Amino acid sequence: MNRRLAVFSAVLAALGVTLTALGLVTDDALPPPETTEAAALTWENVPAPAPSATRPNPRRSTPARLDIAAIGVHTAVSPIGLRPDGTLDTPPLRSDSPAGWYRNSSTPGETGPAIIVGHVDTARDGPAVFFRLRELRTGDTISVRRSDRTVANFRVVKVASYLKKAFPSEEVYGATPGPSLRLITCGGSFDRDRGSYRSNIVVFATATP
């Protein structure tokens, strides 16, 4: 566990936060995503894992395209990094923006969690690339075409909603024994005063042959 995750886990423990996720967990009475005049995706209070040195891996190849047939997602994938405050950056806030792969996470097909994020909607354009992410169910399939032209395939094992103020960093970003995938967007109820959603939807998926 890196220092950033250790500190965050300690904060959660001190607050006595307990999170469970069976199917879709609705921590804040999750309604369907809605497009409002103030709607905008933000990653407030969502920490990202600190960059870590990785050994050369013959299976490492950056993602180029993401396909999720069950919800009609077919998008390019672009690399993103961290903001100065240590939270995940995002693709441009447009409905046609591609999904973004966190460049310091594993690549799809490589051991560990590959982190891909996307907007749920925008105030100006309405639904965005991950608008229907919350509709995914256990068993749905996901494929990621990589820059080396190979395809990494995954199967959804859990879809959960977490309040941003209690985001389970270790569960989402922690090491996994094999290749895995995490898809993240905003969701839950909308805070009109802050102009952002209160929760994050996280899809957990594991590699298939």
C-alpha atoms as a PDB file:
ATOM      1  CA  MET A   1       0.000   0.000   0.000  1.00  0.00           C
ATOM      2  CA  ASN A   2       1.540   3.375  -0.941  1.00  0.00           C
ATOM      3  CA  ARG A   3       1.687   6.286   1.477  1.00  0.00           C
ATOM      4  CA  ARG A   4      -1.252   8.152  -0.068  1.00  0.00           C
ATOM      5  CA  LEU A   5      -3.556   5.150   0.296  1.00  0.00           C
ATOM      6  CA  ALA A   6      -2.311   4.406   3.804  1.00  0.00           C
ATOM      7  CA  VAL A   7      -3.075   7.950   4.968  1.00  0.00           C
ATOM      8  CA  PHE A   8      -6.500   7.931   3.337  1.00  0.00           C
ATOM      9  CA  SER A   9      -7.372   4.555   4.868  1.00  0.00           C
ATOM     10  CA  ALA A  10      -6.381   5.858   8.296  1.00  0.00           C
ATOM     11  CA  VAL A  11      -8.691   8.845   7.869  1.00  0.00           C
ATOM     12  CA  LEU A  12     -11.597   6.556   6.978  1.00  0.00           C
ATOM     13  CA  ALA A  13     -10.876   4.343   9.972  1.00  0.00           C
ATOM     14  CA  ALA A  14     -10.833   7.357  12.292  1.00  0.00           C
ATOM     15  CA  LEU A  15     -14.205   8.463  11.003  1.00  0.00           C
ATOM     16  CA  GLY A  16     -15.629   4.981  11.495  1.00  0.00           C
ATOM     17  CA  VAL A  17     -16.713   4.710   7.878  1.00  0.00           C
ATOM     18  CA  THR A  18     -18.065   1.320   6.828  1.00  0.00           C
ATOM     19  CA  LEU A  19     -18.939   0.701   3.184  1.00  0.00           C
ATOM     20  CA  THR A  20     -20.629  -2.307   1.636  1.00  0.00           C
ATOM     21  CA  ALA A  21     -21.389  -2.932  -2.011  1.00  0.00           C
ATOM     22  CA  LEU A  22     -23.690  -5.738  -3.137  1.00  0.00           C
ATOM     23  CA  GLY A  23     -24.908  -5.059  -6.641  1.00  0.00           C
ATOM     24  CA  LEU A  24     -25.586  -1.324  -6.924  1.00  0.00           C
ATOM     25  CA  VAL A  25     -25.214   0.324  -3.528  1.00  0.00           C
ATOM     26  CA  THR A  26     -27.180   3.555  -3.276  1.00  0.00           C
ATOM     27  CA  ASP A  27     -25.483   5.448  -0.469  1.00  0.00           C
ATOM     28  CA  ASP A  28     -27.535   8.577  -1.062  1.00  0.00           C
ATOM     29  CA  ALA A  29     -30.831   7.384  -2.558  1.00  0.00           C
ATOM     30  CA  LEU A  30     -29.324   7.272  -6.019  1.00  0.00           C
ATOM     31  CA  PRO A  31     -31.750   8.673  -8.615  1.00  0.00           C
ATOM     32  CA  PRO A  32     -31.336   8.318 -12.372  1.00  0.00           C
ATOM     33  CA  PRO A  33     -28.716  10.760 -13.690  1.00  0.00           C
ATOM     34  CA  GLU A  34     -30.309  14.027 -14.659  1.00  0.00           C
ATOM     35  CA  THR A  35     -29.151  16.889 -16.836  1.00  0.00           C
ATOM     36  CA  THR A  36     -29.556  20.254 -15.135  1.00  0.00           C
ATOM     37  CA  GLU A  37     -28.401  23.752 -15.919  1.00  0.00           C
ATOM     38  CA  ALA A  38     -25.731  23.404 -13.255  1.00  0.00           C
ATOM     39  CA  ALA A  39     -24.777  19.823 -13.985  1.00  0.00           C
ATOM     40  CA  ALA A  40     -21.055  19.158 -14.337  1.00  0.00           C
ATOM     41  CA  LEU A  41     -18.837  16.208 -13.476  1.00  0.00           C
ATOM     42  CA  THR A  42     -16.274  16.822 -10.777  1.00  0.00           C
ATOM     43  CA  TRP A  43     -13.973  14.525  -8.835  1.00  0.00           C
ATOM     44  CA  GLU A  44     -14.119  16.436  -5.545  1.00  0.00           C
ATOM     45  CA  ASN A  45     -12.672  14.489  -2.606  1.00  0.00           C
ATOM     46  CA  VAL A  46     -11.764  11.530  -4.808  1.00  0.00           C
ATOM     47  CA  PRO A  47      -8.085  10.718  -4.202  1.00  0.00           C
ATOM     48  CA  ALA A  48      -5.998   8.987  -6.805  1.00  0.00           C
ATOM     49  CA  PRO A  49      -3.132   6.576  -6.201  1.00  0.00           C
ATOM     50  CA  ALA A  50       0.286   8.183  -6.179  1.00  0.00           C
ATOM     51  CA  PRO A  51       2.444   7.477  -9.248  1.00  0.00           C
ATOM     52  CA  SER A  52       4.594   4.423  -8.657  1.00  0.00           C
ATOM     53  CA  ALA A  53       7.581   2.970 -10.433  1.00  0.00           C
ATOM     54  CA  THR A  54       6.681  -0.036 -12.573  1.00  0.00           C
ATOM     55  CA  ARG A  55       8.925  -2.701 -13.975  1.00  0.00           C
ATOM     56  CA  PRO A  56       8.923  -3.291 -17.741  1.00  0.00           C
ATOM     57  CA  ASN A  57       5.987  -5.551 -18.555  1.00  0.00           C
ATOM     58  CA  PRO A  58       5.545  -7.192 -21.948  1.00  0.00           C
ATOM     59  CA  ARG A  59       1.787  -6.994 -21.453  1.00  0.00           C
ATOM     60  CA  ARG A  60       1.799  -3.225 -20.932  1.00  0.00           C
ATOM     61  CA  SER A  61       0.112  -1.414 -23.804  1.00  0.00           C
ATOM     62  CA  THR A  62      -1.930   1.759 -23.472  1.00  0.00           C
ATOM     63  CA  PRO A  63      -5.707   1.573 -24.095  1.00  0.00           C
ATOM     64  CA  ALA A  64      -7.026   3.107 -27.304  1.00  0.00           C
ATOM     65  CA  ARG A  65     -10.721   2.189 -27.391  1.00  0.00           C
ATOM     66  CA  LEU A  66     -13.403   1.078 -24.930  1.00  0.00           C
ATOM     67  CA  ASP A  67     -16.494  -0.893 -25.939  1.00  0.00           C
ATOM     68  CA  ILE A  68     -19.413  -1.794 -23.639  1.00  0.00           C
ATOM     69  CA  ALA A  69     -22.182  -3.312 -25.732  1.00  0.00           C
ATOM     70  CA  ALA A  70     -24.704  -3.564 -22.868  1.00  0.00           C
ATOM     71  CA  ILE A  71     -24.980   0.231 -22.571  1.00  0.00           C
ATOM     72  CA  GLY A  72     -23.987   1.265 -26.092  1.00  0.00           C
ATOM     73  CA  VAL A  73     -20.591   2.741 -25.199  1.00  0.00           C
ATOM     74  CA  HIS A  74     -18.030   2.859 -28.016  1.00  0.00           C
ATOM     75  CA  THR A  75     -15.381   5.468 -27.299  1.00  0.00           C
ATOM     76  CA  ALA A  76     -11.763   6.361 -27.796  1.00  0.00           C
ATOM     77  CA  VAL A  77      -9.614   6.451 -24.643  1.00  0.00           C
ATOM     78  CA  SER A  78      -7.115   9.221 -23.914  1.00  0.00           C
ATOM     79  CA  PRO A  79      -4.484   9.340 -21.124  1.00  0.00           C
ATOM     80  CA  ILE A  80      -5.035  11.628 -18.117  1.00  0.00           C
ATOM     81  CA  GLY A  81      -2.992  12.414 -15.022  1.00  0.00           C
ATOM     82  CA  LEU A  82      -3.509  14.084 -11.643  1.00  0.00           C
ATOM     83  CA  ARG A  83      -4.556  17.587 -10.720  1.00  0.00           C
ATOM     84  CA  PRO A  84      -2.297  19.615  -8.396  1.00  0.00           C
ATOM     85  CA  ASP A  85      -4.499  18.662  -5.417  1.00  0.00           C
ATOM     86  CA  GLY A  86      -3.912  14.947  -6.059  1.00  0.00           C
ATOM     87  CA  THR A  87      -7.356  14.146  -7.467  1.00  0.00           C
ATOM     88  CA  LEU A  88      -7.932  12.523 -10.840  1.00  0.00           C
ATOM     89  CA  ASP A  89      -8.023  14.847 -13.809  1.00  0.00           C
ATOM     90  CA  THR A  90     -10.832  14.467 -16.371  1.00  0.00           C
ATOM     91  CA  PRO A  91     -11.248  14.666 -20.125  1.00  0.00           C
ATOM     92  CA  PRO A  92     -12.655  17.976 -21.476  1.00  0.00           C
ATOM     93  CA  LEU A  93     -16.177  18.669 -20.216  1.00  0.00           C
ATOM     94  CA  ARG A  94     -18.087  17.951 -23.430  1.00  0.00           C
ATOM     95  CA  SER A  95     -20.680  15.307 -24.240  1.00  0.00           C
ATOM     96  CA  ASP A  96     -18.482  13.952 -27.036  1.00  0.00           C
ATOM     97  CA  SER A  97     -15.325  13.719 -24.918  1.00  0.00           C
ATOM     98  CA  PRO A  98     -13.680  10.276 -24.840  1.00  0.00           C
ATOM     99  CA  ALA A  99     -13.094   8.274 -21.691  1.00  0.00           C
ATOM    100  CA  GLY A 100      -9.820   8.939 -19.882  1.00  0.00           C
ATOM    101  CA  TRP A 101      -7.292   6.325 -18.686  1.00  0.00           C
ATOM    102  CA  TYR A 102      -5.199   7.244 -15.639  1.00  0.00           C
ATOM    103  CA  ARG A 103      -1.691   6.945 -17.065  1.00  0.00           C
ATOM    104  CA  ASN A 104      -0.077   5.807 -13.815  1.00  0.00           C
ATOM    105  CA  SER A 105      -2.446   2.892 -13.329  1.00  0.00           C
ATOM    106  CA  SER A 106      -2.072  -0.528 -14.909  1.00  0.00           C
ATOM    107  CA  THR A 107      -2.909  -0.843 -18.568  1.00  0.00           C
ATOM    108  CA  PRO A 108      -5.897  -3.094 -19.400  1.00  0.00           C
ATOM    109  CA  GLY A 109      -4.667  -6.687 -19.550  1.00  0.00           C
ATOM    110  CA  GLU A 110      -1.769  -6.027 -17.183  1.00  0.00           C
ATOM    111  CA  THR A 111      -1.840  -7.201 -13.551  1.00  0.00           C
ATOM    112  CA  GLY A 112      -3.516  -4.616 -11.325  1.00  0.00           C
ATOM    113  CA  PRO A 113      -6.445  -2.219 -11.715  1.00  0.00           C
ATOM    114  CA  ALA A 114      -6.657  -0.141 -14.898  1.00  0.00           C
ATOM    115  CA  ILE A 115      -8.519   3.093 -14.077  1.00  0.00           C
ATOM    116  CA  ILE A 116     -10.791   4.632 -16.743  1.00  0.00           C
ATOM    117  CA  VAL A 117     -13.026   7.631 -16.029  1.00  0.00           C
ATOM    118  CA  GLY A 118     -15.662   9.477 -18.037  1.00  0.00           C
ATOM    119  CA  HIS A 119     -18.278  12.207 -17.775  1.00  0.00           C
ATOM    120  CA  VAL A 120     -21.901  11.389 -16.952  1.00  0.00           C
ATOM    121  CA  ASP A 121     -23.335  14.566 -18.499  1.00  0.00           C
ATOM    122  CA  THR A 122     -22.694  18.256 -19.079  1.00  0.00           C
ATOM    123  CA  ALA A 123     -24.823  21.334 -18.498  1.00  0.00           C
ATOM    124  CA  ARG A 124     -24.600  22.430 -22.112  1.00  0.00           C
ATOM    125  CA  ASP A 125     -24.719  19.160 -24.050  1.00  0.00           C
ATOM    126  CA  GLY A 126     -26.602  16.687 -21.845  1.00  0.00           C
ATOM    127  CA  PRO A 127     -25.668  12.963 -21.570  1.00  0.00           C
ATOM    128  CA  ALA A 128     -21.980  12.105 -21.950  1.00  0.00           C
ATOM    129  CA  VAL A 129     -19.940   8.948 -22.515  1.00  0.00           C
ATOM    130  CA  PHE A 130     -20.646   7.275 -19.129  1.00  0.00           C
ATOM    131  CA  PHE A 131     -24.255   8.463 -18.745  1.00  0.00           C
ATOM    132  CA  ARG A 132     -25.525   4.868 -18.623  1.00  0.00           C
ATOM    133  CA  LEU A 133     -22.645   3.402 -16.606  1.00  0.00           C
ATOM    134  CA  ARG A 134     -24.897   2.816 -13.584  1.00  0.00           C
ATOM    135  CA  GLU A 135     -27.034   0.450 -15.694  1.00  0.00           C
ATOM    136  CA  LEU A 136     -24.291  -2.173 -15.958  1.00  0.00           C
ATOM    137  CA  ARG A 137     -24.928  -5.444 -14.154  1.00  0.00           C
ATOM    138  CA  THR A 138     -22.853  -8.375 -12.957  1.00  0.00           C
ATOM    139  CA  GLY A 139     -21.841 -10.505 -15.921  1.00  0.00           C
ATOM    140  CA  ASP A 140     -21.871  -7.728 -18.539  1.00  0.00           C
ATOM    141  CA  THR A 141     -18.778  -7.709 -20.743  1.00  0.00           C
ATOM    142  CA  ILE A 142     -16.310  -4.928 -21.489  1.00  0.00           C
ATOM    143  CA  SER A 143     -13.546  -4.883 -24.084  1.00  0.00           C
ATOM    144  CA  VAL A 144     -10.571  -2.547 -24.374  1.00  0.00           C
ATOM    145  CA  ARG A 145      -8.564  -2.348 -27.590  1.00  0.00           C
ATOM    146  CA  ARG A 146      -4.936  -1.539 -26.833  1.00  0.00           C
ATOM    147  CA  SER A 147      -2.361   0.386 -28.834  1.00  0.00           C
ATOM    148  CA  ASP A 148      -0.609  -2.869 -29.759  1.00  0.00           C
ATOM    149  CA  ARG A 149      -3.903  -3.944 -31.433  1.00  0.00           C
ATOM    150  CA  THR A 150      -4.628  -6.651 -28.883  1.00  0.00           C
ATOM    151  CA  VAL A 151      -7.947  -6.669 -27.000  1.00  0.00           C
ATOM    152  CA  ALA A 152      -8.324  -7.061 -23.223  1.00  0.00           C
ATOM    153  CA  ASN A 153     -11.712  -8.488 -22.227  1.00  0.00           C
ATOM    154  CA  PHE A 154     -13.397  -8.069 -18.841  1.00  0.00           C
ATOM    155  CA  ARG A 155     -16.551  -9.145 -17.029  1.00  0.00           C
ATOM    156  CA  VAL A 156     -18.386  -6.922 -14.536  1.00  0.00           C
ATOM    157  CA  VAL A 157     -18.341  -8.289 -10.980  1.00  0.00           C
ATOM    158  CA  LYS A 158     -19.807  -5.309  -9.093  1.00  0.00           C
ATOM    159  CA  VAL A 159     -21.359  -1.882  -9.645  1.00  0.00           C
ATOM    160  CA  ALA A 160     -21.426   0.453  -6.649  1.00  0.00           C
ATOM    161  CA  SER A 161     -22.170   4.033  -5.671  1.00  0.00           C
ATOM    162  CA  TYR A 162     -19.979   5.755  -3.067  1.00  0.00           C
ATOM    163  CA  LEU A 163     -20.372   9.186  -1.548  1.00  0.00           C
ATOM    164  CA  LYS A 164     -17.438  11.330  -2.655  1.00  0.00           C
ATOM    165  CA  LYS A 165     -16.686  12.218   0.945  1.00  0.00           C
ATOM    166  CA  ALA A 166     -16.256   8.511   1.738  1.00  0.00           C
ATOM    167  CA  PHE A 167     -14.633   7.188  -1.426  1.00  0.00           C
ATOM    168  CA  PRO A 168     -13.038   3.740  -0.730  1.00  0.00           C
ATOM    169  CA  SER A 169      -9.626   4.419  -2.219  1.00  0.00           C
ATOM    170  CA  GLU A 170      -8.036   1.117  -1.216  1.00  0.00           C
ATOM    171  CA  GLU A 171     -10.921  -0.961  -2.590  1.00  0.00           C
ATOM    172  CA  VAL A 172     -10.896   0.862  -5.917  1.00  0.00           C
ATOM    173  CA  TYR A 173      -7.165   1.406  -6.435  1.00  0.00           C
ATOM    174  CA  GLY A 174      -5.621  -1.378  -4.359  1.00  0.00           C
ATOM    175  CA  ALA A 175      -3.528  -4.170  -5.863  1.00  0.00           C
ATOM    176  CA  THR A 176      -5.302  -7.128  -7.474  1.00  0.00           C
ATOM    177  CA  PRO A 177      -3.916 -10.609  -8.166  1.00  0.00           C
ATOM    178  CA  GLY A 178      -4.649 -10.375 -11.871  1.00  0.00           C
ATOM    179  CA  PRO A 179      -5.749  -7.878 -14.534  1.00  0.00           C
ATOM    180  CA  SER A 180      -8.761  -5.819 -13.495  1.00  0.00           C
ATOM    181  CA  LEU A 181     -10.646  -2.743 -14.622  1.00  0.00           C
ATOM    182  CA  ARG A 182     -12.299   0.151 -12.779  1.00  0.00           C
ATOM    183  CA  LEU A 183     -14.703   2.491 -14.578  1.00  0.00           C
ATOM    184  CA  ILE A 184     -15.625   5.670 -12.681  1.00  0.00           C
ATOM    185  CA  THR A 185     -18.114   8.483 -13.231  1.00  0.00           C
ATOM    186  CA  CYS A 186     -20.311  10.785 -11.156  1.00  0.00           C
ATOM    187  CA  GLY A 187     -23.747   9.847  -9.859  1.00  0.00           C
ATOM    188  CA  GLY A 188     -26.108   9.915  -6.935  1.00  0.00           C
ATOM    189  CA  SER A 189     -28.107  12.976  -5.994  1.00  0.00           C
ATOM    190  CA  PHE A 190     -27.157  16.357  -7.400  1.00  0.00           C
ATOM    191  CA  ASP A 191     -25.981  19.177  -5.144  1.00  0.00           C
ATOM    192  CA  ARG A 192     -27.333  22.281  -6.842  1.00  0.00           C
ATOM    193  CA  ASP A 193     -25.461  24.630  -4.507  1.00  0.00           C
ATOM    194  CA  ARG A 194     -22.083  23.117  -5.411  1.00  0.00           C
ATOM    195  CA  GLY A 195     -23.025  22.292  -8.998  1.00  0.00           C
ATOM    196  CA  SER A 196     -21.856  18.670  -8.754  1.00  0.00           C
ATOM    197  CA  TYR A 197     -23.030  15.158  -7.989  1.00  0.00           C
ATOM    198  CA  ARG A 198     -22.544  13.861  -4.450  1.00  0.00           C
ATOM    199  CA  SER A 199     -21.368  10.362  -5.368  1.00  0.00           C
ATOM    200  CA  ASN A 200     -19.243   8.342  -7.742  1.00  0.00           C
ATOM    201  CA  ILE A 201     -20.382   5.262  -9.630  1.00  0.00           C
ATOM    202  CA  VAL A 202     -17.644   2.627  -9.767  1.00  0.00           C
ATOM    203  CA  VAL A 203     -17.745  -0.480 -11.977  1.00  0.00           C
ATOM    204  CA  PHE A 204     -15.446  -3.331 -10.916  1.00  0.00           C
ATOM    205  CA  ALA A 205     -14.483  -5.849 -13.606  1.00  0.00           C
ATOM    206  CA  THR A 206     -12.038  -8.725 -13.875  1.00  0.00           C
ATOM    207  CA  ALA A 207     -10.240 -10.119 -16.908  1.00  0.00           C
ATOM    208  CA  THR A 208     -11.658 -12.987 -18.936  1.00  0.00           C
ATOM    209  CA  PRO A 209      -9.700 -15.326 -21.241  1.00  0.00           C
END
